[in-house]
Amino acid sequence: MSISISSTLPAPSPAAVNAAARPAPAQPAQPTTNASPDTVKLSESQQVYQLYNQGQAVSQIATTLSLSISEVNSYLGITSSSSS
């Protein structure tokens, strides 16, 4: 038993294939103030929570966000226990 599969899309022209192979011209970077409506800027504390919930260690979060470990611990409500 054989099954025939056909495409309903026309084959691209050689000019279209050549145009697709060329890199697109560089576009100037858009300023961050023109963020799309579905973009959300997270606060520093929200970024800490998000990374922590994704399984990153406190030291990794501190490095990623350029924070001290004590700042990350503070955002997460982690207090150091100095009593024995």
PDB file of N, CA and C in Angstrom:
ATOM      1  N   MET A   1       0.848  -1.169   0.000  1.00  0.00           N
ATOM      2  CA  MET A   1       0.000   0.000   0.000  1.00  0.00           C
ATOM      3  C   MET A   1       0.894   1.234   0.000  1.00  0.00           C
ATOM      4  N   SER A   2       0.617   2.177  -0.856  1.00  0.00           N
ATOM      5  CA  SER A   2       1.401   3.397  -0.900  1.00  0.00           C
ATOM      6  C   SER A   2       0.498   4.589  -0.664  1.00  0.00           C
ATOM      7  N   ILE A   3       1.066   5.597  -0.025  1.00  0.00           N
ATOM      8  CA  ILE A   3       0.314   6.808   0.279  1.00  0.00           C
ATOM      9  C   ILE A   3       0.990   7.950  -0.456  1.00  0.00           C
ATOM     10  N   SER A   4       0.211   8.743  -1.146  1.00  0.00           N
ATOM     11  CA  SER A   4       0.738   9.890  -1.861  1.00  0.00           C
ATOM     12  C   SER A   4       0.519  11.149  -1.027  1.00  0.00           C
ATOM     13  N   ILE A   5       1.587  11.888  -0.849  1.00  0.00           N
ATOM     14  CA  ILE A   5       1.502  13.144  -0.106  1.00  0.00           C
ATOM     15  C   ILE A   5       1.847  14.263  -1.071  1.00  0.00           C
ATOM     16  N   SER A   6       0.961  15.221  -1.172  1.00  0.00           N
ATOM     17  CA  SER A   6       1.233  16.354  -2.050  1.00  0.00           C
ATOM     18  C   SER A   6       1.126  17.644  -1.261  1.00  0.00           C
ATOM     19  N   SER A   7       1.845  18.625  -1.708  1.00  0.00           N
ATOM     20  CA  SER A   7       1.861  19.919  -1.039  1.00  0.00           C
ATOM     21  C   SER A   7       0.892  20.861  -1.735  1.00  0.00           C
ATOM     22  N   THR A   8       0.182  21.640  -0.947  1.00  0.00           N
ATOM     23  CA  THR A   8      -0.713  22.628  -1.534  1.00  0.00           C
ATOM     24  C   THR A   8      -0.008  23.962  -1.709  1.00  0.00           C
ATOM     25  N   LEU A   9       1.237  24.069  -1.192  1.00  0.00           N
ATOM     26  CA  LEU A   9       1.990  25.302  -1.324  1.00  0.00           C
ATOM     27  C   LEU A   9       2.815  25.256  -2.604  1.00  0.00           C
ATOM     28  N   PRO A  10       2.853  26.346  -3.347  1.00  0.00           N
ATOM     29  CA  PRO A  10       3.675  26.348  -4.560  1.00  0.00           C
ATOM     30  C   PRO A  10       5.159  26.348  -4.190  1.00  0.00           C
ATOM     31  N   ALA A  11       5.976  25.779  -5.065  1.00  0.00           N
ATOM     32  CA  ALA A  11       7.420  25.760  -4.839  1.00  0.00           C
ATOM     33  C   ALA A  11       7.947  27.189  -4.933  1.00  0.00           C
ATOM     34  N   PRO A  12       8.917  27.561  -4.079  1.00  0.00           N
ATOM     35  CA  PRO A  12       9.455  28.922  -4.129  1.00  0.00           C
ATOM     36  C   PRO A  12      10.261  29.125  -5.414  1.00  0.00           C
ATOM     37  N   SER A  13      10.244  30.344  -5.893  1.00  0.00           N
ATOM     38  CA  SER A  13      11.001  30.669  -7.099  1.00  0.00           C
ATOM     39  C   SER A  13      12.484  30.740  -6.756  1.00  0.00           C
ATOM     40  N   PRO A  14      13.365  30.545  -7.723  1.00  0.00           N
ATOM     41  CA  PRO A  14      14.800  30.644  -7.441  1.00  0.00           C
ATOM     42  C   PRO A  14      15.187  32.003  -6.859  1.00  0.00           C
ATOM     43  N   ALA A  15      14.536  33.077  -7.287  1.00  0.00           N
ATOM     44  CA  ALA A  15      14.839  34.406  -6.745  1.00  0.00           C
ATOM     45  C   ALA A  15      14.496  34.474  -5.262  1.00  0.00           C
ATOM     46  N   ALA A  16      13.397  33.851  -4.862  1.00  0.00           N
ATOM     47  CA  ALA A  16      12.992  33.858  -3.462  1.00  0.00           C
ATOM     48  C   ALA A  16      13.963  33.038  -2.621  1.00  0.00           C
ATOM     49  N   VAL A  17      14.431  31.914  -3.172  1.00  0.00           N
ATOM     50  CA  VAL A  17      15.387  31.084  -2.446  1.00  0.00           C
ATOM     51  C   VAL A  17      16.696  31.845  -2.257  1.00  0.00           C
ATOM     52  N   ASN A  18      17.178  32.535  -3.302  1.00  0.00           N
ATOM     53  CA  ASN A  18      18.418  33.306  -3.200  1.00  0.00           C
ATOM     54  C   ASN A  18      18.280  34.457  -2.206  1.00  0.00           C
ATOM     55  N   ALA A  19      17.136  35.108  -2.194  1.00  0.00           N
ATOM     56  CA  ALA A  19      16.912  36.222  -1.271  1.00  0.00           C
ATOM     57  C   ALA A  19      16.893  35.718   0.168  1.00  0.00           C
ATOM     58  N   ALA A  20      16.324  34.533   0.383  1.00  0.00           N
ATOM     59  CA  ALA A  20      16.254  33.979   1.733  1.00  0.00           C
ATOM     60  C   ALA A  20      17.634  33.559   2.224  1.00  0.00           C
ATOM     61  N   ALA A  21      18.536  33.214   1.311  1.00  0.00           N
ATOM     62  CA  ALA A  21      19.867  32.770   1.706  1.00  0.00           C
ATOM     63  C   ALA A  21      20.758  33.931   2.130  1.00  0.00           C
ATOM     64  N   ARG A  22      20.471  35.145   1.666  1.00  0.00           N
ATOM     65  CA  ARG A  22      21.267  36.314   2.039  1.00  0.00           C
ATOM     66  C   ARG A  22      20.875  36.805   3.418  1.00  0.00           C
ATOM     67  N   PRO A  23      21.854  37.218   4.228  1.00  0.00           N
ATOM     68  CA  PRO A  23      21.492  37.748   5.552  1.00  0.00           C
ATOM     69  C   PRO A  23      20.743  39.072   5.410  1.00  0.00           C
ATOM     70  N   ALA A  24      19.848  39.284   6.328  1.00  0.00           N
ATOM     71  CA  ALA A  24      19.065  40.522   6.327  1.00  0.00           C
ATOM     72  C   ALA A  24      19.971  41.689   6.710  1.00  0.00           C
ATOM     73  N   PRO A  25      19.708  42.869   6.159  1.00  0.00           N
ATOM     74  CA  PRO A  25      20.517  44.028   6.549  1.00  0.00           C
ATOM     75  C   PRO A  25      20.308  44.335   8.027  1.00  0.00           C
ATOM     76  N   ALA A  26      21.357  44.826   8.655  1.00  0.00           N
ATOM     77  CA  ALA A  26      21.299  45.129  10.086  1.00  0.00           C
ATOM     78  C   ALA A  26      20.303  46.248  10.346  1.00  0.00           C
ATOM     79  N   GLN A  27      19.483  46.044  11.347  1.00  0.00           N
ATOM     80  CA  GLN A  27      18.499  47.038  11.746  1.00  0.00           C
ATOM     81  C   GLN A  27      19.008  47.717  13.012  1.00  0.00           C
ATOM     82  N   PRO A  28      18.776  49.007  13.159  1.00  0.00           N
ATOM     83  CA  PRO A  28      19.198  49.660  14.395  1.00  0.00           C
ATOM     84  C   PRO A  28      18.422  49.103  15.587  1.00  0.00           C
ATOM     85  N   ALA A  29      19.088  49.012  16.715  1.00  0.00           N
ATOM     86  CA  ALA A  29      18.451  48.491  17.924  1.00  0.00           C
ATOM     87  C   ALA A  29      17.320  49.414  18.358  1.00  0.00           C
ATOM     88  N   GLN A  30      16.237  48.818  18.786  1.00  0.00           N
ATOM     89  CA  GLN A  30      15.100  49.588  19.270  1.00  0.00           C
ATOM     90  C   GLN A  30      15.362  49.994  20.717  1.00  0.00           C
ATOM     91  N   PRO A  31      15.028  51.192  21.079  1.00  0.00           N
ATOM     92  CA  PRO A  31      15.180  51.593  22.485  1.00  0.00           C
ATOM     93  C   PRO A  31      14.276  50.751  23.372  1.00  0.00           C
ATOM     94  N   THR A  32      14.698  50.534  24.609  1.00  0.00           N
ATOM     95  CA  THR A  32      13.928  49.698  25.518  1.00  0.00           C
ATOM     96  C   THR A  32      12.599  50.335  25.913  1.00  0.00           C
ATOM     97  N   THR A  33      12.429  51.613  25.666  1.00  0.00           N
ATOM     98  CA  THR A  33      11.168  52.261  26.019  1.00  0.00           C
ATOM     99  C   THR A  33      10.048  51.854  25.068  1.00  0.00           C
ATOM    100  N   ASN A  34      10.385  51.287  23.912  1.00  0.00           N
ATOM    101  CA  ASN A  34       9.377  50.845  22.962  1.00  0.00           C
ATOM    102  C   ASN A  34       9.087  49.357  23.120  1.00  0.00           C
ATOM    103  N   ALA A  35       8.994  48.876  24.335  1.00  0.00           N
ATOM    104  CA  ALA A  35       8.727  47.466  24.589  1.00  0.00           C
ATOM    105  C   ALA A  35       7.324  47.116  24.104  1.00  0.00           C
ATOM    106  N   SER A  36       7.188  45.884  23.640  1.00  0.00           N
ATOM    107  CA  SER A  36       5.872  45.449  23.182  1.00  0.00           C
ATOM    108  C   SER A  36       4.923  45.366  24.365  1.00  0.00           C
ATOM    109  N   PRO A  37       3.632  45.435  24.104  1.00  0.00           N
ATOM    110  CA  PRO A  37       2.665  45.454  25.211  1.00  0.00           C
ATOM    111  C   PRO A  37       2.722  44.211  26.094  1.00  0.00           C
ATOM    112  N   ASP A  38       3.249  43.089  25.587  1.00  0.00           N
ATOM    113  CA  ASP A  38       3.296  41.879  26.400  1.00  0.00           C
ATOM    114  C   ASP A  38       4.633  41.697  27.120  1.00  0.00           C
ATOM    115  N   THR A  39       5.453  42.730  27.147  1.00  0.00           N
ATOM    116  CA  THR A  39       6.729  42.684  27.853  1.00  0.00           C
ATOM    117  C   THR A  39       6.553  43.294  29.237  1.00  0.00           C
ATOM    118  N   VAL A  40       7.104  42.593  30.226  1.00  0.00           N
ATOM    119  CA  VAL A  40       6.989  43.048  31.610  1.00  0.00           C
ATOM    120  C   VAL A  40       8.391  43.226  32.164  1.00  0.00           C
ATOM    121  N   LYS A  41       8.647  44.355  32.804  1.00  0.00           N
ATOM    122  CA  LYS A  41       9.934  44.575  33.448  1.00  0.00           C
ATOM    123  C   LYS A  41       9.799  44.165  34.903  1.00  0.00           C
ATOM    124  N   LEU A  42      10.612  43.186  35.306  1.00  0.00           N
ATOM    125  CA  LEU A  42      10.552  42.692  36.668  1.00  0.00           C
ATOM    126  C   LEU A  42      11.459  43.502  37.570  1.00  0.00           C
ATOM    127  N   SER A  43      11.011  43.708  38.794  1.00  0.00           N
ATOM    128  CA  SER A  43      11.853  44.382  39.773  1.00  0.00           C
ATOM    129  C   SER A  43      12.980  43.429  40.167  1.00  0.00           C
ATOM    130  N   GLU A  44      13.960  43.970  40.840  1.00  0.00           N
ATOM    131  CA  GLU A  44      15.094  43.156  41.272  1.00  0.00           C
ATOM    132  C   GLU A  44      14.635  42.000  42.153  1.00  0.00           C
ATOM    133  N   SER A  45      13.740  42.282  43.084  1.00  0.00           N
ATOM    134  CA  SER A  45      13.268  41.225  43.978  1.00  0.00           C
ATOM    135  C   SER A  45      12.486  40.157  43.214  1.00  0.00           C
ATOM    136  N   GLN A  46      11.701  40.566  42.230  1.00  0.00           N
ATOM    137  CA  GLN A  46      10.955  39.601  41.425  1.00  0.00           C
ATOM    138  C   GLN A  46      11.895  38.727  40.604  1.00  0.00           C
ATOM    139  N   GLN A  47      12.987  39.325  40.105  1.00  0.00           N
ATOM    140  CA  GLN A  47      13.968  38.541  39.366  1.00  0.00           C
ATOM    141  C   GLN A  47      14.616  37.509  40.277  1.00  0.00           C
ATOM    142  N   VAL A  48      14.909  37.900  41.511  1.00  0.00           N
ATOM    143  CA  VAL A  48      15.498  36.975  42.478  1.00  0.00           C
ATOM    144  C   VAL A  48      14.535  35.810  42.716  1.00  0.00           C
ATOM    145  N   TYR A  49      13.268  36.111  42.980  1.00  0.00           N
ATOM    146  CA  TYR A  49      12.278  35.054  43.207  1.00  0.00           C
ATOM    147  C   TYR A  49      12.161  34.134  42.002  1.00  0.00           C
ATOM    148  N   GLN A  50      12.127  34.706  40.814  1.00  0.00           N
ATOM    149  CA  GLN A  50      11.976  33.902  39.603  1.00  0.00           C
ATOM    150  C   GLN A  50      13.157  32.944  39.430  1.00  0.00           C
ATOM    151  N   LEU A  51      14.370  33.455  39.572  1.00  0.00           N
ATOM    152  CA  LEU A  51      15.546  32.606  39.413  1.00  0.00           C
ATOM    153  C   LEU A  51      15.608  31.531  40.493  1.00  0.00           C
ATOM    154  N   TYR A  52      15.235  31.902  41.722  1.00  0.00           N
ATOM    155  CA  TYR A  52      15.234  30.942  42.825  1.00  0.00           C
ATOM    156  C   TYR A  52      14.211  29.830  42.564  1.00  0.00           C
ATOM    157  N   ASN A  53      13.032  30.211  42.089  1.00  0.00           N
ATOM    158  CA  ASN A  53      11.994  29.217  41.781  1.00  0.00           C
ATOM    159  C   ASN A  53      12.367  28.343  40.597  1.00  0.00           C
ATOM    160  N   GLN A  54      13.287  28.821  39.756  1.00  0.00           N
ATOM    161  CA  GLN A  54      13.765  28.018  38.631  1.00  0.00           C
ATOM    162  C   GLN A  54      14.891  27.081  39.051  1.00  0.00           C
ATOM    163  N   GLY A  55      15.257  27.128  40.325  1.00  0.00           N
ATOM    164  CA  GLY A  55      16.238  26.191  40.848  1.00  0.00           C
ATOM    165  C   GLY A  55      17.661  26.706  40.950  1.00  0.00           C
ATOM    166  N   GLN A  56      17.871  27.991  40.714  1.00  0.00           N
ATOM    167  CA  GLN A  56      19.231  28.529  40.823  1.00  0.00           C
ATOM    168  C   GLN A  56      19.615  28.697  42.286  1.00  0.00           C
ATOM    169  N   ALA A  57      20.869  28.466  42.567  1.00  0.00           N
ATOM    170  CA  ALA A  57      21.399  28.648  43.911  1.00  0.00           C
ATOM    171  C   ALA A  57      21.538  30.143  44.207  1.00  0.00           C
ATOM    172  N   VAL A  58      21.554  30.477  45.484  1.00  0.00           N
ATOM    173  CA  VAL A  58      21.662  31.872  45.908  1.00  0.00           C
ATOM    174  C   VAL A  58      22.922  32.508  45.321  1.00  0.00           C
ATOM    175  N   SER A  59      24.030  31.784  45.330  1.00  0.00           N
ATOM    176  CA  SER A  59      25.281  32.333  44.790  1.00  0.00           C
ATOM    177  C   SER A  59      25.172  32.592  43.285  1.00  0.00           C
ATOM    178  N   GLN A  60      24.465  31.713  42.559  1.00  0.00           N
ATOM    179  CA  GLN A  60      24.260  31.927  41.119  1.00  0.00           C
ATOM    180  C   GLN A  60      23.409  33.160  40.868  1.00  0.00           C
ATOM    181  N   ILE A  61      22.368  33.321  41.664  1.00  0.00           N
ATOM    182  CA  ILE A  61      21.477  34.473  41.515  1.00  0.00           C
ATOM    183  C   ILE A  61      22.254  35.756  41.785  1.00  0.00           C
ATOM    184  N   ALA A  62      23.060  35.737  42.843  1.00  0.00           N
ATOM    185  CA  ALA A  62      23.854  36.920  43.191  1.00  0.00           C
ATOM    186  C   ALA A  62      24.787  37.287  42.037  1.00  0.00           C
ATOM    187  N   THR A  63      25.424  36.301  41.437  1.00  0.00           N
ATOM    188  CA  THR A  63      26.331  36.563  40.319  1.00  0.00           C
ATOM    189  C   THR A  63      25.567  37.067  39.107  1.00  0.00           C
ATOM    190  N   THR A  64      24.457  36.419  38.774  1.00  0.00           N
ATOM    191  CA  THR A  64      23.673  36.780  37.597  1.00  0.00           C
ATOM    192  C   THR A  64      23.164  38.216  37.676  1.00  0.00           C
ATOM    193  N   LEU A  65      22.683  38.619  38.847  1.00  0.00           N
ATOM    194  CA  LEU A  65      22.076  39.938  39.004  1.00  0.00           C
ATOM    195  C   LEU A  65      23.041  40.975  39.577  1.00  0.00           C
ATOM    196  N   SER A  66      24.286  40.609  39.751  1.00  0.00           N
ATOM    197  CA  SER A  66      25.308  41.506  40.316  1.00  0.00           C
ATOM    198  C   SER A  66      24.884  42.029  41.687  1.00  0.00           C
ATOM    199  N   LEU A  67      24.451  41.112  42.527  1.00  0.00           N
ATOM    200  CA  LEU A  67      24.040  41.437  43.891  1.00  0.00           C
ATOM    201  C   LEU A  67      24.948  40.684  44.861  1.00  0.00           C
ATOM    202  N   SER A  68      24.936  41.111  46.111  1.00  0.00           N
ATOM    203  CA  SER A  68      25.653  40.356  47.131  1.00  0.00           C
ATOM    204  C   SER A  68      24.762  39.198  47.574  1.00  0.00           C
ATOM    205  N   ILE A  69      25.377  38.194  48.144  1.00  0.00           N
ATOM    206  CA  ILE A  69      24.612  37.047  48.633  1.00  0.00           C
ATOM    207  C   ILE A  69      23.660  37.485  49.736  1.00  0.00           C
ATOM    208  N   SER A  70      24.086  38.432  50.566  1.00  0.00           N
ATOM    209  CA  SER A  70      23.206  38.898  51.644  1.00  0.00           C
ATOM    210  C   SER A  70      21.974  39.613  51.078  1.00  0.00           C
ATOM    211  N   GLU A  71      22.144  40.341  49.953  1.00  0.00           N
ATOM    212  CA  GLU A  71      20.983  40.995  49.322  1.00  0.00           C
ATOM    213  C   GLU A  71      19.999  39.950  48.802  1.00  0.00           C
ATOM    214  N   VAL A  72      20.522  38.911  48.158  1.00  0.00           N
ATOM    215  CA  VAL A  72      19.654  37.841  47.640  1.00  0.00           C
ATOM    216  C   VAL A  72      18.943  37.159  48.796  1.00  0.00           C
ATOM    217  N   ASN A  73      19.684  36.849  49.858  1.00  0.00           N
ATOM    218  CA  ASN A  73      19.066  36.230  51.036  1.00  0.00           C
ATOM    219  C   ASN A  73      17.980  37.118  51.620  1.00  0.00           C
ATOM    220  N   SER A  74      18.213  38.415  51.630  1.00  0.00           N
ATOM    221  CA  SER A  74      17.232  39.359  52.156  1.00  0.00           C
ATOM    222  C   SER A  74      15.949  39.324  51.329  1.00  0.00           C
ATOM    223  N   TYR A  75      16.091  39.346  50.001  1.00  0.00           N
ATOM    224  CA  TYR A  75      14.907  39.270  49.131  1.00  0.00           C
ATOM    225  C   TYR A  75      14.129  37.984  49.361  1.00  0.00           C
ATOM    226  N   LEU A  76      14.851  36.894  49.624  1.00  0.00           N
ATOM    227  CA  LEU A  76      14.204  35.595  49.806  1.00  0.00           C
ATOM    228  C   LEU A  76      13.759  35.352  51.244  1.00  0.00           C
ATOM    229  N   GLY A  77      14.087  36.281  52.131  1.00  0.00           N
ATOM    230  CA  GLY A  77      13.696  36.140  53.526  1.00  0.00           C
ATOM    231  C   GLY A  77      14.519  35.093  54.256  1.00  0.00           C
ATOM    232  N   ILE A  78      15.744  34.855  53.779  1.00  0.00           N
ATOM    233  CA  ILE A  78      16.624  33.888  54.412  1.00  0.00           C
ATOM    234  C   ILE A  78      17.494  34.637  55.404  1.00  0.00           C
ATOM    235  N   THR A  79      17.446  34.207  56.657  1.00  0.00           N
ATOM    236  CA  THR A  79      18.261  34.827  57.679  1.00  0.00           C
ATOM    237  C   THR A  79      19.336  33.842  58.096  1.00  0.00           C
ATOM    238  N   SER A  80      20.507  34.349  58.383  1.00  0.00           N
ATOM    239  CA  SER A  80      21.586  33.471  58.829  1.00  0.00           C
ATOM    240  C   SER A  80      21.414  33.197  60.317  1.00  0.00           C
ATOM    241  N   SER A  81      21.597  31.965  60.673  1.00  0.00           N
ATOM    242  CA  SER A  81      21.447  31.563  62.058  1.00  0.00           C
ATOM    243  C   SER A  81      22.831  31.533  62.702  1.00  0.00           C
ATOM    244  N   SER A  82      23.092  32.467  63.605  1.00  0.00           N
ATOM    245  CA  SER A  82      24.405  32.524  64.245  1.00  0.00           C
ATOM    246  C   SER A  82      24.392  31.847  65.601  1.00  0.00           C
ATOM    247  N   SER A  83      23.221  31.338  66.048  1.00  0.00           N
ATOM    248  CA  SER A  83      23.178  30.661  67.334  1.00  0.00           C
ATOM    249  C   SER A  83      23.544  29.197  67.148  1.00  0.00           C
ATOM    250  N   SER A  84      24.173  28.588  68.177  1.00  0.00           N
ATOM    251  CA  SER A  84      24.603  27.191  68.084  1.00  0.00           C
ATOM    252  C   SER A  84      23.652  26.265  68.768  1.00  0.00           C
TER     253      SER A  84
END
